Amino acid sequence: MKNKNKIEMGKRIAIIRQQLGLTQQEFANKFSPPASKAAVSRWESGDRTPSNDSLKQIAKLGNVSVTYLRTGYTLNFLETRALLNRAIHGDKLNKDDQQKVNESRFDFLLQGIDLMERRDNEATNLLRTQAAIIDKKPLSPLDKSTLGDFLWLLNLIRLNGSEKQQAEFDVIINMFRQIATGSIEYDKNDLLPNIDKLLSSFPIKKENKKD
């Protein structure tokens, strides 16, 4: 089993490379002496830890500290907000502060990636669970019709709807699920306006269709 610290370090190396707009081979060529694409791949996957010299070169390429590569972002929310406020207002930052600004940005991007991965895993597990239930208790003709209507609507909005319509649909379905399971209480002043916004945007307009 891979070491968690190595995996997290690999993610930080990968996000630096990606934000530089470089392929693994192009990133490898930035080193002196040049590394190999295979080495970069192993670093990013957490299979191998870069040498101290390679870590220094990665830190220089990303304008971050070696400590960040090893242990991650260290400032708390208030410290980060104060630092970003200084950067936004044009205050002159020293080298360490400039590195912290970059580290904060990379950390924010990584959190977004981790969140999407968790949501994807949760959704995949949910689909597998529901498929197993259907296998155990097959759908009736009416159930099939209802599921077919839902999937038709989902695909209509997903393939032809605007991003706003997709977001509103996702919110409504999520609220339905939480109300049905008792996670939240039904509040018509919360749910009905969301339904009204989506239904008012129908029918799906041709100009919303995506390539």
Protein backbone atom coordinates (compact mmCIF):
# COMPACT_ATOMS: atom_id res chain seq x y z
CA MET A 1 0.00 0.00 0.00
CA LYS A 2 1.29 3.44 -0.91
CA ASN A 3 2.40 5.83 1.81
CA LYS A 4 -0.23 8.59 2.24
CA ASN A 5 2.44 11.30 2.60
CA LYS A 6 4.03 10.25 -0.68
CA ILE A 7 0.65 10.31 -2.42
CA GLU A 8 -0.10 13.81 -1.11
CA MET A 9 3.36 15.01 -2.14
CA GLY A 10 2.76 13.54 -5.58
CA LYS A 11 -0.48 15.50 -5.90
CA ARG A 12 1.34 18.73 -5.05
CA ILE A 13 4.03 18.01 -7.64
CA ALA A 14 1.36 17.20 -10.25
CA ILE A 15 -0.62 20.40 -9.64
CA ILE A 16 2.56 22.49 -9.98
CA ARG A 17 3.37 20.83 -13.30
CA GLN A 18 -0.19 21.21 -14.56
CA GLN A 19 -0.36 24.88 -13.59
CA LEU A 20 2.87 25.43 -15.51
CA GLY A 21 1.12 23.93 -18.54
CA LEU A 22 3.77 21.24 -18.99
CA THR A 23 3.52 17.59 -19.94
CA GLN A 24 5.41 15.11 -17.78
CA GLN A 25 8.16 14.95 -20.40
CA GLU A 26 8.42 18.75 -20.65
CA PHE A 27 8.52 18.99 -16.86
CA ALA A 28 11.26 16.34 -16.72
CA ASN A 29 13.32 18.35 -19.21
CA LYS A 30 13.33 21.35 -16.84
CA PHE A 31 15.64 19.53 -14.43
CA SER A 32 19.40 19.71 -14.40
CA PRO A 33 20.39 17.08 -15.28
CA PRO A 34 17.08 16.24 -17.04
CA ALA A 35 14.85 13.72 -15.32
CA SER A 36 12.81 11.11 -17.17
CA LYS A 37 9.09 11.10 -17.86
CA ALA A 38 8.89 7.82 -15.95
CA ALA A 39 10.49 9.45 -12.89
CA VAL A 40 7.98 12.32 -12.93
CA SER A 41 5.14 9.82 -13.28
CA ARG A 42 6.40 7.86 -10.26
CA TRP A 43 6.73 11.06 -8.20
CA GLU A 44 3.19 12.14 -9.03
CA SER A 45 1.68 8.73 -8.31
CA GLY A 46 3.48 8.49 -4.97
CA ASP A 47 5.46 5.44 -6.00
CA ARG A 48 8.76 7.22 -5.41
CA THR A 49 9.93 10.30 -3.52
CA PRO A 50 12.11 12.82 -5.41
CA SER A 51 15.67 13.29 -4.17
CA ASN A 52 16.46 16.37 -2.10
CA ASP A 53 18.03 18.01 -5.15
CA SER A 54 14.96 17.24 -7.28
CA LEU A 55 12.68 18.63 -4.56
CA LYS A 56 14.64 21.88 -4.56
CA GLN A 57 14.28 22.14 -8.33
CA ILE A 58 10.53 21.40 -8.18
CA ALA A 59 10.12 24.02 -5.45
CA LYS A 60 11.96 26.56 -7.62
CA LEU A 61 9.81 25.76 -10.65
CA GLY A 62 6.62 26.22 -8.64
CA ASN A 63 7.91 29.11 -6.55
CA VAL A 64 7.04 27.23 -3.37
CA SER A 65 9.05 25.95 -0.44
CA VAL A 66 10.48 22.45 -0.10
CA THR A 67 8.58 22.26 3.19
CA TYR A 68 5.31 22.75 1.29
CA LEU A 69 6.18 19.89 -1.06
CA ARG A 70 6.94 17.65 1.90
CA THR A 71 4.16 18.55 4.33
CA GLY A 72 1.59 20.68 2.53
CA TYR A 73 0.12 24.10 3.22
CA THR A 74 0.63 25.27 6.81
CA LEU A 75 -1.10 28.65 7.28
CA ASN A 76 -4.52 28.79 8.93
CA PHE A 77 -7.55 30.58 7.45
CA LEU A 78 -6.93 33.93 9.15
CA GLU A 79 -3.24 33.95 8.22
CA THR A 80 -4.10 33.08 4.62
CA ARG A 81 -6.75 35.81 4.39
CA ALA A 82 -4.36 38.42 5.76
CA LEU A 83 -1.66 37.38 3.31
CA LEU A 84 -4.02 37.39 0.31
CA ASN A 85 -5.37 40.81 1.32
CA ARG A 86 -1.84 42.15 1.25
CA ALA A 87 -1.26 40.63 -2.19
CA ILE A 88 -4.57 42.00 -3.54
CA HIS A 89 -3.81 45.51 -2.27
CA GLY A 90 -0.41 45.52 -3.96
CA ASP A 91 1.77 45.31 -0.85
CA LYS A 92 5.32 44.24 -1.60
CA LEU A 93 5.77 40.63 -0.51
CA ASN A 94 9.07 39.02 0.37
CA LYS A 95 10.13 35.70 -1.14
CA ASP A 96 8.61 33.61 1.67
CA ASP A 97 5.27 35.42 1.40
CA GLN A 98 5.22 35.07 -2.38
CA GLN A 99 5.77 31.35 -1.95
CA LYS A 100 2.93 31.20 0.58
CA VAL A 101 0.58 32.89 -1.88
CA ASN A 102 1.43 30.23 -4.48
CA GLU A 103 1.11 27.46 -1.92
CA SER A 104 -2.33 28.76 -0.95
CA ARG A 105 -3.42 28.75 -4.61
CA PHE A 106 -2.15 25.23 -5.22
CA ASP A 107 -3.78 24.01 -1.99
CA PHE A 108 -7.12 25.52 -3.06
CA LEU A 109 -6.91 23.75 -6.43
CA LEU A 110 -6.03 20.45 -4.78
CA GLN A 111 -8.96 20.72 -2.38
CA GLY A 112 -11.26 21.21 -5.37
CA ILE A 113 -9.80 18.15 -7.11
CA ASP A 114 -10.10 16.03 -3.94
CA LEU A 115 -13.71 17.14 -3.49
CA MET A 116 -14.62 16.18 -7.06
CA GLU A 117 -12.89 12.81 -6.66
CA ARG A 118 -14.84 12.12 -3.45
CA ARG A 119 -18.11 13.14 -5.12
CA ASP A 120 -17.33 10.93 -8.10
CA ASN A 121 -16.57 7.95 -5.84
CA GLU A 122 -19.73 8.54 -3.81
CA ALA A 123 -21.84 8.80 -6.96
CA THR A 124 -20.30 5.64 -8.42
CA ASN A 125 -21.00 3.73 -5.21
CA LEU A 126 -24.57 5.06 -5.16
CA LEU A 127 -25.17 3.88 -8.73
CA ARG A 128 -23.77 0.44 -7.91
CA THR A 129 -25.98 0.18 -4.83
CA GLN A 130 -29.11 1.15 -6.75
CA ALA A 131 -28.25 -1.23 -9.59
CA ALA A 132 -27.88 -4.06 -7.05
CA ILE A 133 -31.32 -3.23 -5.62
CA ILE A 134 -32.84 -3.37 -9.10
CA ASP A 135 -31.13 -6.72 -9.75
CA LYS A 136 -32.55 -8.05 -6.48
CA LYS A 137 -36.03 -6.62 -7.08
CA PRO A 138 -36.61 -6.02 -10.82
CA LEU A 139 -38.51 -2.95 -11.92
CA SER A 140 -42.19 -3.17 -12.78
CA PRO A 141 -43.36 -1.76 -16.15
CA LEU A 142 -44.51 1.41 -14.35
CA ASP A 143 -41.16 1.69 -12.53
CA LYS A 144 -39.35 1.37 -15.85
CA SER A 145 -41.51 4.09 -17.35
CA THR A 146 -40.81 6.42 -14.41
CA LEU A 147 -37.07 5.73 -14.51
CA GLY A 148 -37.07 6.21 -18.27
CA ASP A 149 -38.80 9.59 -17.93
CA PHE A 150 -36.27 10.69 -15.31
CA LEU A 151 -33.28 9.62 -17.41
CA TRP A 152 -34.79 11.30 -20.48
CA LEU A 153 -35.14 14.56 -18.56
CA LEU A 154 -31.65 14.23 -17.07
CA ASN A 155 -30.08 13.73 -20.51
CA LEU A 156 -32.15 16.50 -22.09
CA ILE A 157 -30.87 18.98 -19.52
CA ARG A 158 -27.35 17.50 -19.42
CA LEU A 159 -26.86 17.54 -23.19
CA ASN A 160 -28.94 20.51 -24.30
CA GLY A 161 -29.59 22.66 -21.25
CA SER A 162 -27.66 25.66 -20.03
CA GLU A 163 -25.23 25.39 -17.11
CA LYS A 164 -27.76 27.30 -14.99
CA GLN A 165 -30.51 24.80 -15.80
CA GLN A 166 -28.20 21.90 -14.97
CA ALA A 167 -27.28 23.47 -11.63
CA GLU A 168 -30.91 24.14 -10.73
CA PHE A 169 -31.89 20.57 -11.65
CA ASP A 170 -29.06 19.16 -9.51
CA VAL A 171 -30.15 21.30 -6.54
CA ILE A 172 -33.78 20.16 -6.79
CA ILE A 173 -32.94 16.45 -7.06
CA ASN A 174 -30.54 16.74 -4.12
CA MET A 175 -33.22 18.48 -2.04
CA PHE A 176 -35.78 15.78 -2.94
CA ARG A 177 -33.35 13.09 -1.80
CA GLN A 178 -32.56 14.81 1.49
CA ILE A 179 -36.24 15.46 2.26
CA ALA A 180 -37.20 11.86 1.39
CA THR A 181 -34.51 10.44 3.71
CA GLY A 182 -35.27 12.90 6.52
CA SER A 183 -31.89 14.63 6.28
CA ILE A 184 -33.66 17.97 6.01
CA GLU A 185 -37.24 19.07 6.67
CA TYR A 186 -39.53 20.09 3.84
CA ASP A 187 -39.76 23.86 3.54
CA LYS A 188 -41.93 25.01 0.65
CA ASN A 189 -40.38 28.48 0.84
CA ASP A 190 -37.03 26.85 0.07
CA LEU A 191 -38.01 24.10 -2.37
CA LEU A 192 -40.79 25.65 -4.46
CA PRO A 193 -38.83 28.73 -5.63
CA ASN A 194 -36.09 26.40 -6.92
CA ILE A 195 -38.64 24.29 -8.79
CA ASP A 196 -40.27 27.42 -10.17
CA LYS A 197 -36.93 28.77 -11.46
CA LEU A 198 -36.22 25.56 -13.36
CA LEU A 199 -39.72 25.08 -14.79
CA SER A 200 -39.86 28.74 -15.84
CA SER A 201 -36.72 28.20 -17.95
CA PHE A 202 -38.37 25.43 -20.02
CA PRO A 203 -38.69 24.43 -22.78
CA ILE A 204 -35.03 23.75 -23.45
CA LYS A 205 -33.91 26.35 -25.97
CA LYS A 206 -32.00 25.36 -29.09
CA GLU A 207 -29.45 28.08 -28.41
CA ASN A 208 -28.54 26.27 -25.17
CA LYS A 209 -27.46 23.20 -27.09
CA LYS A 210 -23.77 22.40 -26.61
CA ASP A 211 -21.39 21.20 -29.28
